[in-house]
Amino acid sequence: MNPIFRPVAKGLLVAAAALTLCTTQAQTWPAKPVSLVVGFAAGGSADNLARLLAQKLGSSLGQPVIVDNKPGAGGTIATAAVAASKPDGYTLLMVTSGHAGSAALYPKLSYDTQKSFEPVAKVGASPVVIVAPASAPYKQLKDVIDAARKSPGKLNYAAGGGGATTTSLAAEFLKNEAKIDMVMVPYKGSGPALTALLSGEVDLGFDIPSSALPHIKAGKLRPLAVTTKTRSSVLPDVPTVAEQGMAGFEVTGWFGVLAPAGTPAAVVARLNKEINAVLGDPETKAKLQAIGVEAAPGSPADFGKLMASETVRYGDAIRKLGIKAE
């Protein structure tokens, strides 16, 4: 062989070997149960969605997908654990849109919110709903704003997960837009936050419909507003924040699945394919819509672009508003 072509041939052999290994990994994976880590307590929106996804995904993969809750620090405890995990496709992370703001809120993270992970799939999108106990005097968002302006710092609210979660950031954006002072009481997830709200420990709640909806339907919570540009399909009678005097206000929460950086591309592709199939299933779509989550299938690249743009948006807002970790 001509010496000039030897490096090229060697490179082709290496590439072919890598492709063969990647294909083999995809064919043999998964050979054991897969862990789907959630950074929030059981009973919350991320947990509910993870369990719905895990059940269906386990059936299609032929191995159990086990939800592992590691709540605390706005989801960063779980995220750090997954970032440090072996990149073999057996440890995954369910993230919320709050993941995009973590780097700005927690400057000493042990991981990079983008470089430490492989985007697998966006799962769904949802508004944040502002709720009050049915016994509270607030009938509309204006009542809350008026009360907060009358007594700055007196009203408090629950935000599941605290930190850079979508719910806590939605509250911060509202406080900034309405120029009011309310105190956040952080909890390790939507479940504990709603328990506190229902027991009267806090005045208001910012949550995802998937968690709050059962209590709204039971008449225990009163929805005051949703944070998306348009009304929610599951709460069509609840006006948006924008409709109630704050034009242009919009906060949309999203959920997705990440894997540790270095996870084989073929495994990521297989996961993305299976997750998209689950999201396309009519039964799954109906279950998601019933809890106010719109299925959002797409490619890993699409999810990566979303996270990159949201990281800029959330980071800029956190720094501008001076939001600090609780």
C-alpha atoms as a PDB file:
ATOM      1  CA  MET A   1       0.000   0.000   0.000  1.00  0.00           C
ATOM      2  CA  ASN A   2       1.191   3.494  -0.802  1.00  0.00           C
ATOM      3  CA  PRO A   3       2.432   5.080   2.504  1.00  0.00           C
ATOM      4  CA  ILE A   4       0.380   8.172   1.718  1.00  0.00           C
ATOM      5  CA  PHE A   5      -2.836   6.206   2.044  1.00  0.00           C
ATOM      6  CA  ARG A   6      -1.949   4.301   5.228  1.00  0.00           C
ATOM      7  CA  PRO A   7      -3.150   7.047   7.661  1.00  0.00           C
ATOM      8  CA  VAL A   8      -6.392   7.335   5.712  1.00  0.00           C
ATOM      9  CA  ALA A   9      -6.944   3.602   5.766  1.00  0.00           C
ATOM     10  CA  LYS A  10      -6.130   3.450   9.464  1.00  0.00           C
ATOM     11  CA  GLY A  11      -8.606   6.254  10.131  1.00  0.00           C
ATOM     12  CA  LEU A  12     -11.293   4.436   8.187  1.00  0.00           C
ATOM     13  CA  LEU A  13     -10.656   1.257  10.142  1.00  0.00           C
ATOM     14  CA  VAL A  14     -10.924   3.137  13.448  1.00  0.00           C
ATOM     15  CA  ALA A  15     -14.159   4.790  12.305  1.00  0.00           C
ATOM     16  CA  ALA A  16     -15.558   1.450  11.171  1.00  0.00           C
ATOM     17  CA  ALA A  17     -14.627  -0.147  14.492  1.00  0.00           C
ATOM     18  CA  ALA A  18     -16.276   2.687  16.391  1.00  0.00           C
ATOM     19  CA  LEU A  19     -19.427   2.341  14.296  1.00  0.00           C
ATOM     20  CA  THR A  20     -19.490  -1.415  14.899  1.00  0.00           C
ATOM     21  CA  LEU A  21     -19.063  -0.898  18.654  1.00  0.00           C
ATOM     22  CA  CYS A  22     -21.787   1.739  18.669  1.00  0.00           C
ATOM     23  CA  THR A  23     -24.158  -0.552  16.762  1.00  0.00           C
ATOM     24  CA  THR A  24     -23.383  -3.459  19.101  1.00  0.00           C
ATOM     25  CA  GLN A  25     -24.059  -1.293  22.154  1.00  0.00           C
ATOM     26  CA  ALA A  26     -27.420  -0.264  20.736  1.00  0.00           C
ATOM     27  CA  GLN A  27     -28.322  -3.882  20.035  1.00  0.00           C
ATOM     28  CA  THR A  28     -27.375  -5.189  23.484  1.00  0.00           C
ATOM     29  CA  TRP A  29     -28.651  -2.189  25.474  1.00  0.00           C
ATOM     30  CA  PRO A  30     -30.522  -2.348  27.786  1.00  0.00           C
ATOM     31  CA  ALA A  31     -29.417  -5.556  29.463  1.00  0.00           C
ATOM     32  CA  LYS A  32     -30.579  -4.447  32.921  1.00  0.00           C
ATOM     33  CA  PRO A  33     -33.013  -1.943  34.518  1.00  0.00           C
ATOM     34  CA  VAL A  34     -32.626   1.757  33.672  1.00  0.00           C
ATOM     35  CA  SER A  35     -32.765   4.461  36.337  1.00  0.00           C
ATOM     36  CA  LEU A  36     -34.637   7.700  35.628  1.00  0.00           C
ATOM     37  CA  VAL A  37     -33.541  10.205  38.267  1.00  0.00           C
ATOM     38  CA  VAL A  38     -35.883  13.028  39.302  1.00  0.00           C
ATOM     39  CA  GLY A  39     -34.605  15.999  41.294  1.00  0.00           C
ATOM     40  CA  PHE A  40     -37.869  16.598  43.114  1.00  0.00           C
ATOM     41  CA  ALA A  41     -40.038  14.842  45.671  1.00  0.00           C
ATOM     42  CA  ALA A  42     -42.626  12.215  44.776  1.00  0.00           C
ATOM     43  CA  GLY A  43     -46.072  13.513  43.892  1.00  0.00           C
ATOM     44  CA  GLY A  44     -44.900  16.576  41.981  1.00  0.00           C
ATOM     45  CA  SER A  45     -45.207  17.386  38.295  1.00  0.00           C
ATOM     46  CA  ALA A  46     -41.751  16.121  37.258  1.00  0.00           C
ATOM     47  CA  ASP A  47     -42.262  12.944  39.267  1.00  0.00           C
ATOM     48  CA  ASN A  48     -45.740  12.326  37.826  1.00  0.00           C
ATOM     49  CA  LEU A  49     -44.466  12.758  34.294  1.00  0.00           C
ATOM     50  CA  ALA A  50     -41.402  10.595  34.935  1.00  0.00           C
ATOM     51  CA  ARG A  51     -43.551   7.749  36.258  1.00  0.00           C
ATOM     52  CA  LEU A  52     -45.900   7.897  33.274  1.00  0.00           C
ATOM     53  CA  LEU A  53     -42.938   7.863  30.902  1.00  0.00           C
ATOM     54  CA  ALA A  54     -41.093   5.141  32.842  1.00  0.00           C
ATOM     55  CA  GLN A  55     -44.018   2.742  32.711  1.00  0.00           C
ATOM     56  CA  LYS A  56     -44.439   3.001  28.959  1.00  0.00           C
ATOM     57  CA  LEU A  57     -40.719   3.167  28.225  1.00  0.00           C
ATOM     58  CA  GLY A  58     -40.023   0.085  30.309  1.00  0.00           C
ATOM     59  CA  SER A  59     -42.477  -1.903  28.200  1.00  0.00           C
ATOM     60  CA  SER A  60     -40.929  -0.802  24.913  1.00  0.00           C
ATOM     61  CA  LEU A  61     -37.336  -1.329  26.087  1.00  0.00           C
ATOM     62  CA  GLY A  62     -38.000  -4.717  27.640  1.00  0.00           C
ATOM     63  CA  GLN A  63     -36.375  -3.659  30.916  1.00  0.00           C
ATOM     64  CA  PRO A  64     -37.847  -1.837  33.932  1.00  0.00           C
ATOM     65  CA  VAL A  65     -37.307   1.929  34.070  1.00  0.00           C
ATOM     66  CA  ILE A  66     -37.118   2.827  37.738  1.00  0.00           C
ATOM     67  CA  VAL A  67     -37.868   6.360  38.943  1.00  0.00           C
ATOM     68  CA  ASP A  68     -35.326   7.487  41.536  1.00  0.00           C
ATOM     69  CA  ASN A  69     -36.214  10.659  43.467  1.00  0.00           C
ATOM     70  CA  LYS A  70     -33.278  12.731  44.736  1.00  0.00           C
ATOM     71  CA  PRO A  71     -34.894  16.009  45.842  1.00  0.00           C
ATOM     72  CA  GLY A  72     -33.156  19.150  47.016  1.00  0.00           C
ATOM     73  CA  ALA A  73     -31.380  22.345  45.949  1.00  0.00           C
ATOM     74  CA  GLY A  74     -33.662  23.063  43.021  1.00  0.00           C
ATOM     75  CA  GLY A  75     -32.917  19.728  41.375  1.00  0.00           C
ATOM     76  CA  THR A  76     -29.138  20.205  41.385  1.00  0.00           C
ATOM     77  CA  ILE A  77     -28.441  17.305  43.787  1.00  0.00           C
ATOM     78  CA  ALA A  78     -29.970  14.821  41.360  1.00  0.00           C
ATOM     79  CA  THR A  79     -28.373  16.541  38.375  1.00  0.00           C
ATOM     80  CA  ALA A  80     -24.907  16.333  39.926  1.00  0.00           C
ATOM     81  CA  ALA A  81     -25.411  12.635  40.662  1.00  0.00           C
ATOM     82  CA  VAL A  82     -26.354  11.881  37.060  1.00  0.00           C
ATOM     83  CA  ALA A  83     -23.519  14.009  35.674  1.00  0.00           C
ATOM     84  CA  ALA A  84     -21.078  11.866  37.670  1.00  0.00           C
ATOM     85  CA  SER A  85     -22.686   8.584  36.582  1.00  0.00           C
ATOM     86  CA  LYS A  86     -21.227   6.139  34.108  1.00  0.00           C
ATOM     87  CA  PRO A  87     -22.315   7.172  30.582  1.00  0.00           C
ATOM     88  CA  ASP A  88     -23.711   3.799  29.601  1.00  0.00           C
ATOM     89  CA  GLY A  89     -27.400   4.595  29.143  1.00  0.00           C
ATOM     90  CA  TYR A  90     -28.476   3.104  32.451  1.00  0.00           C
ATOM     91  CA  THR A  91     -28.761   6.388  34.348  1.00  0.00           C
ATOM     92  CA  LEU A  92     -30.963   9.139  32.929  1.00  0.00           C
ATOM     93  CA  LEU A  93     -32.233  12.453  34.275  1.00  0.00           C
ATOM     94  CA  MET A  94     -35.682  13.991  34.053  1.00  0.00           C
ATOM     95  CA  VAL A  95     -35.220  17.760  33.947  1.00  0.00           C
ATOM     96  CA  THR A  96     -37.556  20.726  34.004  1.00  0.00           C
ATOM     97  CA  SER A  97     -36.972  24.073  32.328  1.00  0.00           C
ATOM     98  CA  GLY A  98     -35.502  25.292  35.604  1.00  0.00           C
ATOM     99  CA  HIS A  99     -32.374  23.341  34.627  1.00  0.00           C
ATOM    100  CA  ALA A 100     -31.606  26.169  32.215  1.00  0.00           C
ATOM    101  CA  GLY A 101     -31.265  28.672  35.045  1.00  0.00           C
ATOM    102  CA  SER A 102     -29.207  26.549  37.419  1.00  0.00           C
ATOM    103  CA  ALA A 103     -25.794  27.792  36.316  1.00  0.00           C
ATOM    104  CA  ALA A 104     -26.739  31.433  36.949  1.00  0.00           C
ATOM    105  CA  LEU A 105     -28.297  30.638  40.310  1.00  0.00           C
ATOM    106  CA  TYR A 106     -25.652  28.209  41.570  1.00  0.00           C
ATOM    107  CA  PRO A 107     -22.239  29.446  40.311  1.00  0.00           C
ATOM    108  CA  LYS A 108     -20.295  26.614  41.999  1.00  0.00           C
ATOM    109  CA  LEU A 109     -22.027  23.625  40.439  1.00  0.00           C
ATOM    110  CA  SER A 110     -19.900  20.515  40.024  1.00  0.00           C
ATOM    111  CA  TYR A 111     -21.187  20.095  36.477  1.00  0.00           C
ATOM    112  CA  ASP A 112     -21.893  22.138  33.358  1.00  0.00           C
ATOM    113  CA  THR A 113     -25.626  22.265  32.635  1.00  0.00           C
ATOM    114  CA  GLN A 114     -24.989  21.686  28.934  1.00  0.00           C
ATOM    115  CA  LYS A 115     -21.548  20.123  28.445  1.00  0.00           C
ATOM    116  CA  SER A 116     -22.015  17.492  31.159  1.00  0.00           C
ATOM    117  CA  PHE A 117     -25.041  15.972  29.421  1.00  0.00           C
ATOM    118  CA  GLU A 118     -26.322  14.524  26.186  1.00  0.00           C
ATOM    119  CA  PRO A 119     -29.801  15.797  25.286  1.00  0.00           C
ATOM    120  CA  VAL A 120     -32.055  12.810  24.711  1.00  0.00           C
ATOM    121  CA  ALA A 121     -35.566  14.142  24.187  1.00  0.00           C
ATOM    122  CA  LYS A 122     -37.942  16.883  25.101  1.00  0.00           C
ATOM    123  CA  VAL A 123     -41.001  15.283  26.644  1.00  0.00           C
ATOM    124  CA  GLY A 124     -43.608  17.984  27.102  1.00  0.00           C
ATOM    125  CA  ALA A 125     -44.515  21.594  27.817  1.00  0.00           C
ATOM    126  CA  SER A 126     -46.864  23.136  30.360  1.00  0.00           C
ATOM    127  CA  PRO A 127     -47.929  26.453  31.881  1.00  0.00           C
ATOM    128  CA  VAL A 128     -47.453  27.421  35.499  1.00  0.00           C
ATOM    129  CA  VAL A 129     -50.727  27.955  37.336  1.00  0.00           C
ATOM    130  CA  ILE A 130     -51.044  30.408  40.223  1.00  0.00           C
ATOM    131  CA  VAL A 131     -53.333  28.991  42.902  1.00  0.00           C
ATOM    132  CA  ALA A 132     -54.729  29.957  46.275  1.00  0.00           C
ATOM    133  CA  PRO A 133     -56.619  27.908  48.865  1.00  0.00           C
ATOM    134  CA  ALA A 134     -60.373  27.945  48.228  1.00  0.00           C
ATOM    135  CA  SER A 135     -60.821  29.604  51.623  1.00  0.00           C
ATOM    136  CA  ALA A 136     -58.526  32.508  50.712  1.00  0.00           C
ATOM    137  CA  PRO A 137     -60.054  35.908  49.875  1.00  0.00           C
ATOM    138  CA  TYR A 138     -58.338  36.084  46.462  1.00  0.00           C
ATOM    139  CA  LYS A 139     -60.751  35.649  43.576  1.00  0.00           C
ATOM    140  CA  GLN A 140     -58.454  36.929  40.818  1.00  0.00           C
ATOM    141  CA  LEU A 141     -54.797  37.814  40.353  1.00  0.00           C
ATOM    142  CA  LYS A 142     -55.529  41.503  40.923  1.00  0.00           C
ATOM    143  CA  ASP A 143     -56.620  40.715  44.485  1.00  0.00           C
ATOM    144  CA  VAL A 144     -53.211  39.192  45.207  1.00  0.00           C
ATOM    145  CA  ILE A 145     -51.345  42.109  43.674  1.00  0.00           C
ATOM    146  CA  ASP A 146     -53.434  44.636  45.599  1.00  0.00           C
ATOM    147  CA  ALA A 147     -52.842  42.768  48.873  1.00  0.00           C
ATOM    148  CA  ALA A 148     -49.112  42.517  48.221  1.00  0.00           C
ATOM    149  CA  ARG A 149     -48.860  46.228  47.473  1.00  0.00           C
ATOM    150  CA  LYS A 150     -50.831  47.099  50.593  1.00  0.00           C
ATOM    151  CA  SER A 151     -48.622  44.948  52.845  1.00  0.00           C
ATOM    152  CA  PRO A 152     -45.193  44.384  51.225  1.00  0.00           C
ATOM    153  CA  GLY A 153     -43.482  41.202  52.370  1.00  0.00           C
ATOM    154  CA  LYS A 154     -46.531  39.860  54.201  1.00  0.00           C
ATOM    155  CA  LEU A 155     -47.789  37.389  51.601  1.00  0.00           C
ATOM    156  CA  ASN A 156     -45.793  34.218  51.057  1.00  0.00           C
ATOM    157  CA  TYR A 157     -45.975  31.522  48.441  1.00  0.00           C
ATOM    158  CA  ALA A 158     -44.845  27.961  47.861  1.00  0.00           C
ATOM    159  CA  ALA A 159     -42.575  27.098  44.963  1.00  0.00           C
ATOM    160  CA  GLY A 160     -41.822  23.400  44.618  1.00  0.00           C
ATOM    161  CA  GLY A 161     -38.100  22.785  44.361  1.00  0.00           C
ATOM    162  CA  GLY A 162     -37.160  26.413  45.015  1.00  0.00           C
ATOM    163  CA  GLY A 163     -34.068  27.665  43.250  1.00  0.00           C
ATOM    164  CA  ALA A 164     -34.210  27.926  39.484  1.00  0.00           C
ATOM    165  CA  THR A 165     -37.324  25.831  38.963  1.00  0.00           C
ATOM    166  CA  THR A 166     -39.864  27.109  36.455  1.00  0.00           C
ATOM    167  CA  THR A 167     -42.388  27.708  39.213  1.00  0.00           C
ATOM    168  CA  SER A 168     -40.066  29.812  41.359  1.00  0.00           C
ATOM    169  CA  LEU A 169     -38.843  31.812  38.368  1.00  0.00           C
ATOM    170  CA  ALA A 170     -42.417  32.433  37.211  1.00  0.00           C
ATOM    171  CA  ALA A 171     -43.082  33.917  40.643  1.00  0.00           C
ATOM    172  CA  GLU A 172     -39.972  36.099  40.437  1.00  0.00           C
ATOM    173  CA  PHE A 173     -40.935  37.354  36.988  1.00  0.00           C
ATOM    174  CA  LEU A 174     -44.436  38.176  38.239  1.00  0.00           C
ATOM    175  CA  LYS A 175     -43.094  40.027  41.295  1.00  0.00           C
ATOM    176  CA  ASN A 176     -40.795  42.049  39.068  1.00  0.00           C
ATOM    177  CA  GLU A 177     -43.492  42.839  36.505  1.00  0.00           C
ATOM    178  CA  ALA A 178     -46.140  43.779  39.090  1.00  0.00           C
ATOM    179  CA  LYS A 179     -43.575  45.492  41.360  1.00  0.00           C
ATOM    180  CA  ILE A 180     -44.679  43.611  44.456  1.00  0.00           C
ATOM    181  CA  ASP A 181     -42.864  42.007  47.377  1.00  0.00           C
ATOM    182  CA  MET A 182     -43.830  38.461  48.379  1.00  0.00           C
ATOM    183  CA  VAL A 183     -41.742  35.882  50.220  1.00  0.00           C
ATOM    184  CA  MET A 184     -40.936  32.506  48.679  1.00  0.00           C
ATOM    185  CA  VAL A 185     -41.042  29.426  50.900  1.00  0.00           C
ATOM    186  CA  PRO A 186     -39.046  26.706  49.104  1.00  0.00           C
ATOM    187  CA  TYR A 187     -39.988  23.018  49.224  1.00  0.00           C
ATOM    188  CA  LYS A 188     -38.320  19.939  47.777  1.00  0.00           C
ATOM    189  CA  GLY A 189     -41.011  19.465  45.167  1.00  0.00           C
ATOM    190  CA  SER A 190     -44.591  20.151  44.157  1.00  0.00           C
ATOM    191  CA  GLY A 191     -45.943  17.468  46.492  1.00  0.00           C
ATOM    192  CA  PRO A 192     -44.681  19.050  49.747  1.00  0.00           C
ATOM    193  CA  ALA A 193     -45.439  22.545  48.405  1.00  0.00           C
ATOM    194  CA  LEU A 194     -49.065  21.662  47.731  1.00  0.00           C
ATOM    195  CA  THR A 195     -49.396  19.996  51.127  1.00  0.00           C
ATOM    196  CA  ALA A 196     -48.222  23.231  52.744  1.00  0.00           C
ATOM    197  CA  LEU A 197     -50.628  25.271  50.638  1.00  0.00           C
ATOM    198  CA  LEU A 198     -53.597  23.046  51.433  1.00  0.00           C
ATOM    199  CA  SER A 199     -52.810  23.156  55.147  1.00  0.00           C
ATOM    200  CA  GLY A 200     -52.641  26.940  55.191  1.00  0.00           C
ATOM    201  CA  GLU A 201     -48.902  27.226  55.841  1.00  0.00           C
ATOM    202  CA  VAL A 202     -48.552  29.513  52.807  1.00  0.00           C
ATOM    203  CA  ASP A 203     -50.860  31.959  51.048  1.00  0.00           C
ATOM    204  CA  LEU A 204     -50.262  31.108  47.394  1.00  0.00           C
ATOM    205  CA  GLY A 205     -48.762  28.457  45.171  1.00  0.00           C
ATOM    206  CA  PHE A 206     -47.021  28.467  41.805  1.00  0.00           C
ATOM    207  CA  ASP A 207     -47.258  25.027  40.281  1.00  0.00           C
ATOM    208  CA  ILE A 208     -47.702  22.940  37.149  1.00  0.00           C
ATOM    209  CA  PRO A 209     -51.292  21.842  36.357  1.00  0.00           C
ATOM    210  CA  SER A 210     -50.302  18.165  36.504  1.00  0.00           C
ATOM    211  CA  SER A 211     -49.793  18.535  40.273  1.00  0.00           C
ATOM    212  CA  ALA A 212     -52.392  21.162  41.138  1.00  0.00           C
ATOM    213  CA  LEU A 213     -55.248  19.989  38.911  1.00  0.00           C
ATOM    214  CA  PRO A 214     -56.653  17.258  41.210  1.00  0.00           C
ATOM    215  CA  HIS A 215     -56.946  19.788  44.053  1.00  0.00           C
ATOM    216  CA  ILE A 216     -58.478  22.373  41.717  1.00  0.00           C
ATOM    217  CA  LYS A 217     -61.081  19.843  40.539  1.00  0.00           C
ATOM    218  CA  ALA A 218     -61.790  18.888  44.154  1.00  0.00           C
ATOM    219  CA  GLY A 219     -62.515  22.529  44.952  1.00  0.00           C
ATOM    220  CA  LYS A 220     -59.656  22.804  47.442  1.00  0.00           C
ATOM    221  CA  LEU A 221     -57.585  25.227  45.374  1.00  0.00           C
ATOM    222  CA  ARG A 222     -58.681  28.231  43.314  1.00  0.00           C
ATOM    223  CA  PRO A 223     -56.743  28.895  40.086  1.00  0.00           C
ATOM    224  CA  LEU A 224     -56.048  32.603  39.562  1.00  0.00           C
ATOM    225  CA  ALA A 225     -53.951  32.676  36.391  1.00  0.00           C
ATOM    226  CA  VAL A 226     -51.793  30.677  34.008  1.00  0.00           C
ATOM    227  CA  THR A 227     -48.446  31.965  32.791  1.00  0.00           C
ATOM    228  CA  THR A 228     -48.485  30.908  29.141  1.00  0.00           C
ATOM    229  CA  LYS A 229     -49.270  33.166  26.198  1.00  0.00           C
ATOM    230  CA  THR A 230     -52.621  31.462  25.670  1.00  0.00           C
ATOM    231  CA  ARG A 231     -55.015  29.742  28.067  1.00  0.00           C
ATOM    232  CA  SER A 232     -54.466  26.138  29.084  1.00  0.00           C
ATOM    233  CA  SER A 233     -56.599  23.473  27.442  1.00  0.00           C
ATOM    234  CA  VAL A 234     -57.261  21.880  30.850  1.00  0.00           C
ATOM    235  CA  LEU A 235     -58.064  25.208  32.537  1.00  0.00           C
ATOM    236  CA  PRO A 236     -59.855  27.083  29.735  1.00  0.00           C
ATOM    237  CA  ASP A 237     -61.754  29.359  32.132  1.00  0.00           C
ATOM    238  CA  VAL A 238     -58.603  30.578  33.873  1.00  0.00           C
ATOM    239  CA  PRO A 239     -57.212  33.785  32.321  1.00  0.00           C
ATOM    240  CA  THR A 240     -53.542  34.256  31.563  1.00  0.00           C
ATOM    241  CA  VAL A 241     -51.354  36.687  33.478  1.00  0.00           C
ATOM    242  CA  ALA A 242     -51.118  38.722  30.271  1.00  0.00           C
ATOM    243  CA  GLU A 243     -54.909  39.012  30.106  1.00  0.00           C
ATOM    244  CA  GLN A 244     -54.912  40.428  33.626  1.00  0.00           C
ATOM    245  CA  GLY A 245     -52.942  43.552  32.952  1.00  0.00           C
ATOM    246  CA  MET A 246     -49.384  42.353  32.216  1.00  0.00           C
ATOM    247  CA  ALA A 247     -49.193  42.249  28.440  1.00  0.00           C
ATOM    248  CA  GLY A 248     -46.442  40.055  27.046  1.00  0.00           C
ATOM    249  CA  PHE A 249     -45.967  38.036  30.235  1.00  0.00           C
ATOM    250  CA  GLU A 250     -45.110  34.439  29.391  1.00  0.00           C
ATOM    251  CA  VAL A 251     -43.440  31.553  31.197  1.00  0.00           C
ATOM    252  CA  THR A 252     -43.736  28.074  29.724  1.00  0.00           C
ATOM    253  CA  GLY A 253     -42.371  25.095  31.573  1.00  0.00           C
ATOM    254  CA  TRP A 254     -40.872  22.138  29.750  1.00  0.00           C
ATOM    255  CA  PHE A 255     -39.698  18.662  30.677  1.00  0.00           C
ATOM    256  CA  GLY A 256     -37.031  16.537  29.077  1.00  0.00           C
ATOM    257  CA  VAL A 257     -34.615  13.649  29.473  1.00  0.00           C
ATOM    258  CA  LEU A 258     -30.821  13.937  29.618  1.00  0.00           C
ATOM    259  CA  ALA A 259     -28.027  11.368  29.782  1.00  0.00           C
ATOM    260  CA  PRO A 260     -24.458  11.821  31.058  1.00  0.00           C
ATOM    261  CA  ALA A 261     -22.030  13.243  28.499  1.00  0.00           C
ATOM    262  CA  GLY A 262     -20.341  10.456  26.564  1.00  0.00           C
ATOM    263  CA  THR A 263     -23.368   8.170  26.448  1.00  0.00           C
ATOM    264  CA  PRO A 264     -23.089   6.242  23.154  1.00  0.00           C
ATOM    265  CA  ALA A 265     -24.839   8.000  20.282  1.00  0.00           C
ATOM    266  CA  ALA A 266     -26.654   4.811  19.303  1.00  0.00           C
ATOM    267  CA  VAL A 267     -28.103   4.477  22.817  1.00  0.00           C
ATOM    268  CA  VAL A 268     -29.217   8.124  22.785  1.00  0.00           C
ATOM    269  CA  ALA A 269     -30.809   7.579  19.363  1.00  0.00           C
ATOM    270  CA  ARG A 270     -32.605   4.461  20.604  1.00  0.00           C
ATOM    271  CA  LEU A 271     -33.889   6.290  23.678  1.00  0.00           C
ATOM    272  CA  ASN A 272     -35.067   9.219  21.600  1.00  0.00           C
ATOM    273  CA  LYS A 273     -36.892   6.900  19.214  1.00  0.00           C
ATOM    274  CA  GLU A 274     -38.612   5.013  22.028  1.00  0.00           C
ATOM    275  CA  ILE A 275     -39.558   8.180  23.953  1.00  0.00           C
ATOM    276  CA  ASN A 276     -41.009   9.775  20.828  1.00  0.00           C
ATOM    277  CA  ALA A 277     -43.012   6.604  20.210  1.00  0.00           C
ATOM    278  CA  VAL A 278     -44.383   6.787  23.760  1.00  0.00           C
ATOM    279  CA  LEU A 279     -45.295  10.454  23.264  1.00  0.00           C
ATOM    280  CA  GLY A 280     -47.046   9.616  20.000  1.00  0.00           C
ATOM    281  CA  ASP A 281     -49.199   6.957  21.638  1.00  0.00           C
ATOM    282  CA  PRO A 282     -52.819   8.239  21.802  1.00  0.00           C
ATOM    283  CA  GLU A 283     -53.311   6.935  25.339  1.00  0.00           C
ATOM    284  CA  THR A 284     -50.165   8.705  26.563  1.00  0.00           C
ATOM    285  CA  LYS A 285     -51.088  11.940  24.785  1.00  0.00           C
ATOM    286  CA  ALA A 286     -54.537  11.848  26.375  1.00  0.00           C
ATOM    287  CA  LYS A 287     -53.062  11.274  29.840  1.00  0.00           C
ATOM    288  CA  LEU A 288     -50.646  14.145  29.363  1.00  0.00           C
ATOM    289  CA  GLN A 289     -53.335  16.503  28.097  1.00  0.00           C
ATOM    290  CA  ALA A 290     -55.510  15.581  31.079  1.00  0.00           C
ATOM    291  CA  ILE A 291     -52.838  16.974  33.403  1.00  0.00           C
ATOM    292  CA  GLY A 292     -52.095  20.032  31.293  1.00  0.00           C
ATOM    293  CA  VAL A 293     -48.938  18.806  29.562  1.00  0.00           C
ATOM    294  CA  GLU A 294     -48.620  18.900  25.786  1.00  0.00           C
ATOM    295  CA  ALA A 295     -46.511  16.072  24.348  1.00  0.00           C
ATOM    296  CA  ALA A 296     -43.467  17.503  22.568  1.00  0.00           C
ATOM    297  CA  PRO A 297     -41.572  14.864  20.581  1.00  0.00           C
ATOM    298  CA  GLY A 298     -38.433  15.856  18.689  1.00  0.00           C
ATOM    299  CA  SER A 299     -34.786  15.075  18.059  1.00  0.00           C
ATOM    300  CA  PRO A 300     -31.915  15.287  20.554  1.00  0.00           C
ATOM    301  CA  ALA A 301     -30.569  18.213  18.527  1.00  0.00           C
ATOM    302  CA  ASP A 302     -33.884  20.061  18.849  1.00  0.00           C
ATOM    303  CA  PHE A 303     -33.840  19.598  22.610  1.00  0.00           C
ATOM    304  CA  GLY A 304     -30.220  20.720  22.780  1.00  0.00           C
ATOM    305  CA  LYS A 305     -31.029  23.942  20.932  1.00  0.00           C
ATOM    306  CA  LEU A 306     -33.963  24.627  23.257  1.00  0.00           C
ATOM    307  CA  MET A 307     -31.795  24.175  26.338  1.00  0.00           C
ATOM    308  CA  ALA A 308     -29.093  26.441  24.919  1.00  0.00           C
ATOM    309  CA  SER A 309     -31.520  29.273  24.161  1.00  0.00           C
ATOM    310  CA  GLU A 310     -33.367  28.893  27.466  1.00  0.00           C
ATOM    311  CA  THR A 311     -30.068  28.914  29.375  1.00  0.00           C
ATOM    312  CA  VAL A 312     -29.332  32.345  27.934  1.00  0.00           C
ATOM    313  CA  ARG A 313     -32.857  33.612  28.634  1.00  0.00           C
ATOM    314  CA  TYR A 314     -33.094  32.310  32.194  1.00  0.00           C
ATOM    315  CA  GLY A 315     -29.524  33.243  33.033  1.00  0.00           C
ATOM    316  CA  ASP A 316     -29.991  36.817  31.855  1.00  0.00           C
ATOM    317  CA  ALA A 317     -33.233  37.135  33.837  1.00  0.00           C
ATOM    318  CA  ILE A 318     -31.735  35.695  37.029  1.00  0.00           C
ATOM    319  CA  ARG A 319     -28.768  38.057  36.895  1.00  0.00           C
ATOM    320  CA  LYS A 320     -30.897  41.075  35.984  1.00  0.00           C
ATOM    321  CA  LEU A 321     -33.389  40.452  38.778  1.00  0.00           C
ATOM    322  CA  GLY A 322     -30.683  39.573  41.276  1.00  0.00           C
ATOM    323  CA  ILE A 323     -32.326  36.256  42.160  1.00  0.00           C
ATOM    324  CA  LYS A 324     -30.369  34.259  44.725  1.00  0.00           C
ATOM    325  CA  ALA A 325     -30.560  30.606  45.710  1.00  0.00           C
ATOM    326  CA  GLU A 326     -32.564  30.005  48.864  1.00  0.00           C
END
